[in-house]
């Protein structure tokens, strides 16, 4: 998997996201329980404007690490970007239960205010 990670990084540096996705898919085939690969794939899909596909990948990552606040916040940010504020707020409520400080910080970054 480390070999694929090196290829992914190299393709990203040379701005070849399609090729990066190929290597991420190969890495996922070898280790489908690596949440980091799913998150990386979601991030690239988001960069490519494929938001719905990115959400599916974040969901896969959360199946593996269901209480990972960082992944949850990436998903919330994508919902925000897509204008799906109800879904975003739903995730933030879950995050608050796990780590209220991170949820507050997210609100400050995204919305410019502390939500009480």
Protein backbone atom coordinates (compact mmCIF):
# COMPACT_ATOMS: atom_id res chain seq x y z
CA UNK A 1 0.00 0.00 0.00
CA UNK A 2 2.90 2.37 0.62
CA UNK A 3 3.86 2.06 -3.04
CA UNK A 4 0.37 3.14 -4.09
CA UNK A 5 0.51 6.03 -1.63
CA UNK A 6 3.74 7.25 -3.27
CA UNK A 7 2.14 7.05 -6.72
CA UNK A 8 -0.96 8.88 -5.45
CA UNK A 9 1.18 11.68 -4.05
CA UNK A 10 3.25 11.95 -7.22
CA UNK A 11 0.16 12.14 -9.44
CA UNK A 12 -1.36 14.79 -7.18
CA UNK A 13 1.81 16.88 -7.38
CA UNK A 14 1.64 16.71 -11.18
CA UNK A 15 -2.06 17.62 -11.08
CA UNK A 16 -3.29 14.30 -12.46
CA UNK A 17 -6.25 13.60 -10.19
CA UNK A 18 -7.66 10.94 -12.51
CA UNK A 19 -4.45 8.93 -12.21
CA UNK A 20 -4.42 9.54 -8.45
CA UNK A 21 -7.91 8.07 -8.24
CA UNK A 22 -6.74 4.97 -10.11
CA UNK A 23 -4.01 4.38 -7.53
CA UNK A 24 -6.34 5.12 -4.62
CA UNK A 25 -8.78 2.55 -6.01
CA UNK A 26 -5.98 -0.02 -6.20
CA UNK A 27 -4.97 0.76 -2.62
CA UNK A 28 -8.59 0.41 -1.50
CA UNK A 29 -8.83 -2.96 -3.25
CA UNK A 30 -5.83 -4.13 -1.24
CA UNK A 31 -7.03 -2.66 2.03
CA UNK A 32 -10.71 -1.65 1.98
CA UNK A 33 -10.64 -1.09 5.76
CA UNK A 34 -8.23 1.84 5.56
CA UNK A 35 -10.41 4.89 6.25
CA UNK A 36 -7.58 7.18 5.16
CA UNK A 37 -7.75 5.92 1.59
CA UNK A 38 -11.50 6.51 1.48
CA UNK A 39 -11.02 10.05 2.81
CA UNK A 40 -8.29 10.77 0.30
CA UNK A 41 -10.49 9.53 -2.51
CA UNK A 42 -13.35 11.71 -1.23
CA UNK A 43 -11.06 14.74 -1.09
CA UNK A 44 -9.94 14.24 -4.69
CA UNK A 45 -13.48 13.65 -5.91
CA UNK A 46 -14.50 16.87 -4.16
CA UNK A 47 -11.68 18.74 -5.93
CA UNK A 48 -12.98 17.34 -9.21
CA UNK A 49 -16.50 18.59 -8.48
CA UNK A 50 -17.89 15.10 -7.93
CA UNK A 51 -19.51 15.91 -4.59
CA UNK A 52 -22.04 13.08 -4.50
CA UNK A 53 -19.30 10.51 -5.13
CA UNK A 54 -17.19 12.18 -2.45
CA UNK A 55 -20.04 11.82 0.06
CA UNK A 56 -20.21 8.10 -0.66
CA UNK A 57 -16.50 7.79 0.10
CA UNK A 58 -16.81 9.75 3.36
CA UNK A 59 -19.63 7.36 4.29
CA UNK A 60 -17.34 4.39 3.65
CA UNK A 61 -14.64 5.96 5.83
CA UNK A 62 -17.16 6.55 8.60
CA UNK A 63 -18.26 2.91 8.46
CA UNK A 64 -14.68 2.07 9.43
CA UNK A 65 -14.10 4.91 11.90
CA UNK A 66 -17.63 5.88 12.87
CA UNK A 67 -16.65 8.39 15.58
CA UNK A 68 -13.84 10.08 13.68
CA UNK A 69 -14.67 13.76 14.16
CA UNK A 70 -12.28 14.91 11.44
CA UNK A 71 -14.01 12.78 8.82
CA UNK A 72 -17.41 13.88 10.09
CA UNK A 73 -16.38 17.53 9.75
CA UNK A 74 -15.08 16.97 6.21
CA UNK A 75 -18.47 15.52 5.35
CA UNK A 76 -20.23 18.46 7.02
CA UNK A 77 -18.06 20.88 5.06
CA UNK A 78 -18.99 19.15 1.82
CA UNK A 79 -22.69 19.38 2.72
CA UNK A 80 -22.14 23.08 3.40
CA UNK A 81 -20.48 23.48 0.01
CA UNK A 82 -23.44 21.74 -1.63
CA UNK A 83 -25.92 23.98 0.18
CA UNK A 84 -27.33 21.08 2.21
CA UNK A 85 -27.44 22.90 5.54
CA UNK A 86 -29.89 20.51 7.23
CA UNK A 87 -27.51 17.58 6.69
CA UNK A 88 -24.55 19.73 7.74
CA UNK A 89 -26.24 20.70 11.02
CA UNK A 90 -27.22 17.08 11.69
CA UNK A 91 -23.57 16.04 11.51
CA UNK A 92 -22.53 18.97 13.69
CA UNK A 93 -24.94 17.80 16.36
CA UNK A 94 -23.23 14.39 16.31
CA UNK A 95 -19.81 16.03 16.46
CA UNK A 96 -20.86 18.18 19.45
CA UNK A 97 -21.64 15.01 21.40
CA UNK A 98 -18.12 13.71 20.75
CA UNK A 99 -16.04 16.89 20.76
CA UNK A 100 -17.86 20.18 21.33
CA UNK A 101 -14.71 22.29 20.87
CA UNK A 102 -14.14 20.99 17.34
CA UNK A 103 -17.78 21.65 16.47
CA UNK A 104 -17.49 25.21 17.75
CA UNK A 105 -14.25 25.74 15.83
CA UNK A 106 -15.89 24.42 12.65
CA UNK A 107 -18.73 26.91 13.05
CA UNK A 108 -16.26 29.72 13.52
CA UNK A 109 -14.35 28.77 10.36
CA UNK A 110 -17.33 28.08 8.13
CA UNK A 111 -19.96 30.43 9.43
CA UNK A 112 -17.89 33.10 11.16
CA UNK A 113 -19.57 32.70 14.56
CA UNK A 114 -19.72 30.50 17.64
CA UNK A 115 -22.93 28.52 17.76
CA UNK A 116 -24.30 27.97 21.26
